[in-house]
Amino acid sequence: MKISLSRLAPAVITLLAILALSPFAQAQKEIPPPQGKGRVVVVASGASGPEHYETVSRAIAQLGYDVVLFDGNAMEGTKGAALRTAIDKAQQMPHALPGKVGLVGFSLGGAVSLGYGSLWPDQVAVDIVWYPATSPFKDIPGFVAKIKVPVLMFAGESDKYKDCCLIGTAHALADAAAAAKQPFELVTYPKTDHDFVEGGSHYNPQSYKDALDRTAAKLKEFLSN
């Protein structure tokens, strides 16, 4: 039986197009640690894309972790399914050591990491979010009550980016977590705006260094075993 390539090609093209648009068909970039292999840290970018967060991802990899960088845009609207897929992919990378992963999310990716990753103690050891979008969190006490993974959150006190990441909401999350005795730590930075990472539109060297140092300490605390 012969198969006509002319008939097959349109079907293949259609399938590839569907896969390309699927939220689960995420490109990823592995940044191995200096020693060759390491515990996995999944990084979810903000809306500006993964390239924007490659510098900070490389800094985290230099700490000794196998960093796998994903596009947070592909995770939006998937109700956590794309983040689950990203974690599974990251754990299968060539330089990955077994065990729970650390999550590091920025802005949009931080919202996804916080909203879903903090509920998954089976896969996630620690959840670190930099200036995450917090506007999606409507029932803050209800959400905080579900947290099962230690969370470290960084927020700029001058952050007014699209009203998505206001400092008041960050404090509301921290206050609700304290009241519920949940493992949630908030660190805020005065005179610091959104996207304060190196290379960011509001790069703040002091805030960036402190957040990176705290990220390093928190990852060491939960991924050292």
C-alpha atoms as a PDB file:
ATOM      1  CA  MET A   1       0.000   0.000   0.000  1.00  0.00           C
ATOM      2  CA  LYS A   2       1.406   3.386  -1.027  1.00  0.00           C
ATOM      3  CA  ILE A   3       0.818   6.554   0.959  1.00  0.00           C
ATOM      4  CA  SER A   4       0.654   9.746  -1.015  1.00  0.00           C
ATOM      5  CA  LEU A   5       3.005  12.366   0.418  1.00  0.00           C
ATOM      6  CA  SER A   6       0.874  15.064  -1.127  1.00  0.00           C
ATOM      7  CA  ARG A   7      -2.082  13.836   0.944  1.00  0.00           C
ATOM      8  CA  LEU A   8      -0.022  13.256   4.067  1.00  0.00           C
ATOM      9  CA  ALA A   9       1.733  16.628   4.125  1.00  0.00           C
ATOM     10  CA  PRO A  10      -1.327  18.782   4.910  1.00  0.00           C
ATOM     11  CA  ALA A  11      -2.264  16.494   7.806  1.00  0.00           C
ATOM     12  CA  VAL A  12       1.282  16.645   9.201  1.00  0.00           C
ATOM     13  CA  ILE A  13       1.370  20.422   8.865  1.00  0.00           C
ATOM     14  CA  THR A  14      -1.960  20.699  10.676  1.00  0.00           C
ATOM     15  CA  LEU A  15      -0.732  18.437  13.491  1.00  0.00           C
ATOM     16  CA  LEU A  16       2.464  20.432  13.888  1.00  0.00           C
ATOM     17  CA  ALA A  17       0.485  23.653  14.024  1.00  0.00           C
ATOM     18  CA  ILE A  18      -1.750  22.235  16.758  1.00  0.00           C
ATOM     19  CA  LEU A  19       1.254  21.076  18.742  1.00  0.00           C
ATOM     20  CA  ALA A  20       2.968  24.429  18.358  1.00  0.00           C
ATOM     21  CA  LEU A  21      -0.061  26.206  19.775  1.00  0.00           C
ATOM     22  CA  SER A  22      -0.542  23.744  22.620  1.00  0.00           C
ATOM     23  CA  PRO A  23       0.357  25.101  26.078  1.00  0.00           C
ATOM     24  CA  PHE A  24       2.107  21.823  26.771  1.00  0.00           C
ATOM     25  CA  ALA A  25       4.504  22.165  23.811  1.00  0.00           C
ATOM     26  CA  GLN A  26       6.903  24.369  25.737  1.00  0.00           C
ATOM     27  CA  ALA A  27      10.436  25.060  24.676  1.00  0.00           C
ATOM     28  CA  GLN A  28      12.894  24.839  27.520  1.00  0.00           C
ATOM     29  CA  LYS A  29      16.537  25.727  28.031  1.00  0.00           C
ATOM     30  CA  GLU A  30      18.686  23.707  30.385  1.00  0.00           C
ATOM     31  CA  ILE A  31      21.523  25.566  32.107  1.00  0.00           C
ATOM     32  CA  PRO A  32      23.669  22.943  33.848  1.00  0.00           C
ATOM     33  CA  PRO A  33      25.615  23.637  37.045  1.00  0.00           C
ATOM     34  CA  PRO A  34      29.429  23.935  37.091  1.00  0.00           C
ATOM     35  CA  GLN A  35      29.830  20.455  38.590  1.00  0.00           C
ATOM     36  CA  GLY A  36      27.892  18.807  35.738  1.00  0.00           C
ATOM     37  CA  LYS A  37      24.753  17.607  37.520  1.00  0.00           C
ATOM     38  CA  GLY A  38      22.563  19.125  40.196  1.00  0.00           C
ATOM     39  CA  ARG A  39      19.148  19.291  41.800  1.00  0.00           C
ATOM     40  CA  VAL A  40      16.567  20.814  39.502  1.00  0.00           C
ATOM     41  CA  VAL A  41      15.335  24.391  39.647  1.00  0.00           C
ATOM     42  CA  VAL A  42      12.456  25.216  37.304  1.00  0.00           C
ATOM     43  CA  VAL A  43      12.378  28.874  36.291  1.00  0.00           C
ATOM     44  CA  ALA A  44       9.151  30.339  34.872  1.00  0.00           C
ATOM     45  CA  SER A  45       9.670  33.612  33.028  1.00  0.00           C
ATOM     46  CA  GLY A  46       7.532  36.707  33.066  1.00  0.00           C
ATOM     47  CA  ALA A  47       5.595  37.988  30.059  1.00  0.00           C
ATOM     48  CA  SER A  48       8.787  39.458  28.581  1.00  0.00           C
ATOM     49  CA  GLY A  49       9.895  35.907  27.771  1.00  0.00           C
ATOM     50  CA  PRO A  50      12.613  33.466  28.839  1.00  0.00           C
ATOM     51  CA  GLU A  51      15.503  35.329  27.196  1.00  0.00           C
ATOM     52  CA  HIS A  52      14.857  38.239  29.548  1.00  0.00           C
ATOM     53  CA  TYR A  53      15.477  35.932  32.516  1.00  0.00           C
ATOM     54  CA  GLU A  54      18.486  34.034  31.220  1.00  0.00           C
ATOM     55  CA  THR A  55      20.987  36.150  33.187  1.00  0.00           C
ATOM     56  CA  VAL A  56      19.373  35.456  36.552  1.00  0.00           C
ATOM     57  CA  SER A  57      18.836  31.806  35.559  1.00  0.00           C
ATOM     58  CA  ARG A  58      22.548  31.462  34.862  1.00  0.00           C
ATOM     59  CA  ALA A  59      23.323  33.043  38.218  1.00  0.00           C
ATOM     60  CA  ILE A  60      21.156  30.417  39.919  1.00  0.00           C
ATOM     61  CA  ALA A  61      22.822  27.623  37.933  1.00  0.00           C
ATOM     62  CA  GLN A  62      26.209  28.861  39.148  1.00  0.00           C
ATOM     63  CA  LEU A  63      25.032  28.103  42.667  1.00  0.00           C
ATOM     64  CA  GLY A  64      25.121  24.404  41.751  1.00  0.00           C
ATOM     65  CA  TYR A  65      21.646  23.711  40.359  1.00  0.00           C
ATOM     66  CA  ASP A  66      20.429  22.311  37.076  1.00  0.00           C
ATOM     67  CA  VAL A  67      18.262  25.218  35.960  1.00  0.00           C
ATOM     68  CA  VAL A  68      15.589  24.656  33.329  1.00  0.00           C
ATOM     69  CA  LEU A  69      14.112  27.884  31.999  1.00  0.00           C
ATOM     70  CA  PHE A  70      10.554  27.938  30.630  1.00  0.00           C
ATOM     71  CA  ASP A  71       8.356  30.571  29.024  1.00  0.00           C
ATOM     72  CA  GLY A  72       5.757  31.631  31.570  1.00  0.00           C
ATOM     73  CA  ASN A  73       3.481  32.862  28.781  1.00  0.00           C
ATOM     74  CA  ALA A  74       2.832  29.254  27.762  1.00  0.00           C
ATOM     75  CA  MET A  75       1.671  28.469  31.290  1.00  0.00           C
ATOM     76  CA  GLU A  76      -0.972  31.176  31.479  1.00  0.00           C
ATOM     77  CA  GLY A  77      -4.545  29.909  31.448  1.00  0.00           C
ATOM     78  CA  THR A  78      -3.623  26.221  31.732  1.00  0.00           C
ATOM     79  CA  LYS A  79      -4.731  25.907  35.379  1.00  0.00           C
ATOM     80  CA  GLY A  80      -1.325  24.592  36.381  1.00  0.00           C
ATOM     81  CA  ALA A  81      -1.184  21.777  33.810  1.00  0.00           C
ATOM     82  CA  ALA A  82       1.626  23.391  31.817  1.00  0.00           C
ATOM     83  CA  LEU A  83       3.651  23.947  34.988  1.00  0.00           C
ATOM     84  CA  ARG A  84       3.218  20.264  35.871  1.00  0.00           C
ATOM     85  CA  THR A  85       4.465  19.359  32.406  1.00  0.00           C
ATOM     86  CA  ALA A  86       7.420  21.712  32.800  1.00  0.00           C
ATOM     87  CA  ILE A  87       8.399  20.084  36.087  1.00  0.00           C
ATOM     88  CA  ASP A  88       8.189  16.618  34.532  1.00  0.00           C
ATOM     89  CA  LYS A  89      10.339  17.727  31.574  1.00  0.00           C
ATOM     90  CA  ALA A  90      12.896  19.381  33.831  1.00  0.00           C
ATOM     91  CA  GLN A  91      13.318  16.243  35.932  1.00  0.00           C
ATOM     92  CA  GLN A  92      14.243  14.347  32.770  1.00  0.00           C
ATOM     93  CA  MET A  93      16.987  16.734  31.651  1.00  0.00           C
ATOM     94  CA  PRO A  94      20.463  15.225  31.068  1.00  0.00           C
ATOM     95  CA  HIS A  95      22.061  17.056  34.013  1.00  0.00           C
ATOM     96  CA  ALA A  96      19.207  16.606  36.498  1.00  0.00           C
ATOM     97  CA  LEU A  97      19.574  14.817  39.804  1.00  0.00           C
ATOM     98  CA  PRO A  98      16.462  13.112  41.208  1.00  0.00           C
ATOM     99  CA  GLY A  99      14.277  14.657  43.849  1.00  0.00           C
ATOM    100  CA  LYS A 100      11.754  17.404  44.296  1.00  0.00           C
ATOM    101  CA  VAL A 101      12.395  20.600  42.370  1.00  0.00           C
ATOM    102  CA  GLY A 102      12.745  24.196  43.411  1.00  0.00           C
ATOM    103  CA  LEU A 103      10.491  26.680  41.647  1.00  0.00           C
ATOM    104  CA  VAL A 104      11.559  30.231  40.807  1.00  0.00           C
ATOM    105  CA  GLY A 105       8.926  32.338  39.054  1.00  0.00           C
ATOM    106  CA  PHE A 106       8.989  35.922  37.851  1.00  0.00           C
ATOM    107  CA  SER A 107       5.986  38.216  37.378  1.00  0.00           C
ATOM    108  CA  LEU A 108       3.504  36.222  35.233  1.00  0.00           C
ATOM    109  CA  GLY A 109       5.493  33.034  35.828  1.00  0.00           C
ATOM    110  CA  GLY A 110       5.573  33.915  39.506  1.00  0.00           C
ATOM    111  CA  ALA A 111       1.784  34.018  39.615  1.00  0.00           C
ATOM    112  CA  VAL A 112       1.605  30.529  38.111  1.00  0.00           C
ATOM    113  CA  SER A 113       4.333  29.203  40.401  1.00  0.00           C
ATOM    114  CA  LEU A 114       2.655  30.693  43.450  1.00  0.00           C
ATOM    115  CA  GLY A 115      -0.902  29.819  42.497  1.00  0.00           C
ATOM    116  CA  TYR A 116      -0.208  26.169  41.697  1.00  0.00           C
ATOM    117  CA  GLY A 117       3.319  25.125  42.619  1.00  0.00           C
ATOM    118  CA  SER A 118       2.832  26.077  46.260  1.00  0.00           C
ATOM    119  CA  LEU A 119       0.082  23.441  46.472  1.00  0.00           C
ATOM    120  CA  TRP A 120       2.207  20.511  45.232  1.00  0.00           C
ATOM    121  CA  PRO A 121       4.418  19.112  48.016  1.00  0.00           C
ATOM    122  CA  ASP A 122       4.754  15.877  46.049  1.00  0.00           C
ATOM    123  CA  GLN A 123       6.885  17.604  43.390  1.00  0.00           C
ATOM    124  CA  VAL A 124       8.032  20.939  44.793  1.00  0.00           C
ATOM    125  CA  ALA A 125      10.409  21.473  47.711  1.00  0.00           C
ATOM    126  CA  VAL A 126      10.336  25.283  47.772  1.00  0.00           C
ATOM    127  CA  ASP A 127       8.585  28.024  45.817  1.00  0.00           C
ATOM    128  CA  ILE A 128      10.404  31.345  45.274  1.00  0.00           C
ATOM    129  CA  VAL A 129       8.542  34.111  43.480  1.00  0.00           C
ATOM    130  CA  TRP A 130       9.933  37.467  42.359  1.00  0.00           C
ATOM    131  CA  TYR A 131       7.414  40.322  41.998  1.00  0.00           C
ATOM    132  CA  PRO A 132       4.631  37.881  41.041  1.00  0.00           C
ATOM    133  CA  ALA A 133       1.371  38.995  39.520  1.00  0.00           C
ATOM    134  CA  THR A 134      -1.049  38.920  42.442  1.00  0.00           C
ATOM    135  CA  SER A 135      -4.184  40.405  40.877  1.00  0.00           C
ATOM    136  CA  PRO A 136      -5.561  36.902  40.062  1.00  0.00           C
ATOM    137  CA  PHE A 137      -5.755  36.076  43.780  1.00  0.00           C
ATOM    138  CA  LYS A 138      -9.255  37.164  44.776  1.00  0.00           C
ATOM    139  CA  ASP A 139      -9.867  35.026  47.867  1.00  0.00           C
ATOM    140  CA  ILE A 140      -6.559  35.530  49.611  1.00  0.00           C
ATOM    141  CA  PRO A 141      -7.371  33.746  52.915  1.00  0.00           C
ATOM    142  CA  GLY A 142      -8.879  30.838  50.976  1.00  0.00           C
ATOM    143  CA  PHE A 143      -5.817  30.503  48.767  1.00  0.00           C
ATOM    144  CA  VAL A 144      -3.296  30.855  51.583  1.00  0.00           C
ATOM    145  CA  ALA A 145      -5.040  28.115  53.556  1.00  0.00           C
ATOM    146  CA  LYS A 146      -4.179  25.657  50.778  1.00  0.00           C
ATOM    147  CA  ILE A 147      -0.426  26.328  50.679  1.00  0.00           C
ATOM    148  CA  LYS A 148       1.609  23.189  51.320  1.00  0.00           C
ATOM    149  CA  VAL A 149       5.078  24.272  50.102  1.00  0.00           C
ATOM    150  CA  PRO A 150       7.349  26.886  51.729  1.00  0.00           C
ATOM    151  CA  VAL A 151       7.063  30.181  49.820  1.00  0.00           C
ATOM    152  CA  LEU A 152       9.538  33.055  49.606  1.00  0.00           C
ATOM    153  CA  MET A 153       8.191  36.149  47.859  1.00  0.00           C
ATOM    154  CA  PHE A 154       9.993  39.322  46.791  1.00  0.00           C
ATOM    155  CA  ALA A 155       8.114  42.546  46.028  1.00  0.00           C
ATOM    156  CA  GLY A 156       9.124  46.089  45.169  1.00  0.00           C
ATOM    157  CA  GLU A 157       7.398  48.710  47.285  1.00  0.00           C
ATOM    158  CA  SER A 158       7.141  51.001  44.235  1.00  0.00           C
ATOM    159  CA  ASP A 159       5.730  48.321  41.930  1.00  0.00           C
ATOM    160  CA  LYS A 160       2.753  49.661  39.989  1.00  0.00           C
ATOM    161  CA  TYR A 161       3.171  47.600  36.829  1.00  0.00           C
ATOM    162  CA  LYS A 162      -0.297  47.378  35.258  1.00  0.00           C
ATOM    163  CA  ASP A 163      -1.693  47.239  38.812  1.00  0.00           C
ATOM    164  CA  CYS A 164      -0.969  43.504  38.748  1.00  0.00           C
ATOM    165  CA  CYS A 165       1.623  43.308  41.487  1.00  0.00           C
ATOM    166  CA  LEU A 166       0.725  45.940  44.059  1.00  0.00           C
ATOM    167  CA  ILE A 167       2.557  45.972  47.368  1.00  0.00           C
ATOM    168  CA  GLY A 168      -0.742  46.064  49.253  1.00  0.00           C
ATOM    169  CA  THR A 169      -1.702  42.665  47.852  1.00  0.00           C
ATOM    170  CA  ALA A 170       1.722  41.276  48.745  1.00  0.00           C
ATOM    171  CA  HIS A 171       1.213  42.365  52.352  1.00  0.00           C
ATOM    172  CA  ALA A 172      -2.323  40.940  52.356  1.00  0.00           C
ATOM    173  CA  LEU A 173      -0.923  37.553  51.319  1.00  0.00           C
ATOM    174  CA  ALA A 174       1.756  37.697  53.998  1.00  0.00           C
ATOM    175  CA  ASP A 175      -0.707  38.790  56.692  1.00  0.00           C
ATOM    176  CA  ALA A 176      -3.144  36.009  55.806  1.00  0.00           C
ATOM    177  CA  ALA A 177      -0.316  33.479  55.831  1.00  0.00           C
ATOM    178  CA  ALA A 178       0.883  34.670  59.235  1.00  0.00           C
ATOM    179  CA  ALA A 179      -2.634  34.413  60.623  1.00  0.00           C
ATOM    180  CA  ALA A 180      -2.959  30.881  59.267  1.00  0.00           C
ATOM    181  CA  LYS A 181       0.594  29.970  60.346  1.00  0.00           C
ATOM    182  CA  GLN A 182       1.515  29.039  56.798  1.00  0.00           C
ATOM    183  CA  PRO A 183       5.135  28.849  55.533  1.00  0.00           C
ATOM    184  CA  PHE A 184       5.136  32.148  53.665  1.00  0.00           C
ATOM    185  CA  GLU A 185       7.899  34.752  53.845  1.00  0.00           C
ATOM    186  CA  LEU A 186       7.616  38.182  52.210  1.00  0.00           C
ATOM    187  CA  VAL A 187      10.631  40.406  51.584  1.00  0.00           C
ATOM    188  CA  THR A 188       9.924  43.901  50.252  1.00  0.00           C
ATOM    189  CA  TYR A 189      12.323  46.467  48.837  1.00  0.00           C
ATOM    190  CA  PRO A 190      11.879  50.245  49.191  1.00  0.00           C
ATOM    191  CA  LYS A 191      12.312  52.434  46.105  1.00  0.00           C
ATOM    192  CA  THR A 192      12.128  49.308  43.955  1.00  0.00           C
ATOM    193  CA  ASP A 193       9.844  48.854  40.968  1.00  0.00           C
ATOM    194  CA  HIS A 194       8.768  45.867  38.897  1.00  0.00           C
ATOM    195  CA  ASP A 195      11.365  43.876  36.911  1.00  0.00           C
ATOM    196  CA  PHE A 196      14.291  44.782  39.164  1.00  0.00           C
ATOM    197  CA  VAL A 197      16.466  41.881  37.960  1.00  0.00           C
ATOM    198  CA  GLU A 198      19.757  42.450  36.173  1.00  0.00           C
ATOM    199  CA  GLY A 199      18.887  43.525  32.645  1.00  0.00           C
ATOM    200  CA  GLY A 200      15.358  44.442  33.709  1.00  0.00           C
ATOM    201  CA  SER A 201      13.557  47.663  32.917  1.00  0.00           C
ATOM    202  CA  HIS A 202      13.897  48.774  36.562  1.00  0.00           C
ATOM    203  CA  TYR A 203      17.134  47.043  37.503  1.00  0.00           C
ATOM    204  CA  ASN A 204      18.005  47.765  41.121  1.00  0.00           C
ATOM    205  CA  PRO A 205      21.462  46.362  41.972  1.00  0.00           C
ATOM    206  CA  GLN A 206      20.967  46.351  45.740  1.00  0.00           C
ATOM    207  CA  SER A 207      17.526  44.752  45.656  1.00  0.00           C
ATOM    208  CA  TYR A 208      18.595  42.254  43.008  1.00  0.00           C
ATOM    209  CA  LYS A 209      21.662  41.150  44.959  1.00  0.00           C
ATOM    210  CA  ASP A 210      19.713  40.742  48.178  1.00  0.00           C
ATOM    211  CA  ALA A 211      16.948  38.763  46.461  1.00  0.00           C
ATOM    212  CA  LEU A 212      19.497  36.543  44.714  1.00  0.00           C
ATOM    213  CA  ASP A 213      21.347  35.932  47.983  1.00  0.00           C
ATOM    214  CA  ARG A 214      18.075  35.035  49.707  1.00  0.00           C
ATOM    215  CA  THR A 215      17.139  32.786  46.775  1.00  0.00           C
ATOM    216  CA  ALA A 216      20.474  31.002  47.150  1.00  0.00           C
ATOM    217  CA  ALA A 217      19.975  30.503  50.895  1.00  0.00           C
ATOM    218  CA  LYS A 218      16.428  29.211  50.476  1.00  0.00           C
ATOM    219  CA  LEU A 219      17.368  26.780  47.700  1.00  0.00           C
ATOM    220  CA  LYS A 220      20.265  25.497  49.805  1.00  0.00           C
ATOM    221  CA  GLU A 221      17.905  24.983  52.744  1.00  0.00           C
ATOM    222  CA  PHE A 222      15.452  22.845  50.799  1.00  0.00           C
ATOM    223  CA  LEU A 223      17.512  21.239  48.020  1.00  0.00           C
ATOM    224  CA  SER A 224      20.669  20.301  49.918  1.00  0.00           C
ATOM    225  CA  ASN A 225      19.621  16.706  50.576  1.00  0.00           C
END
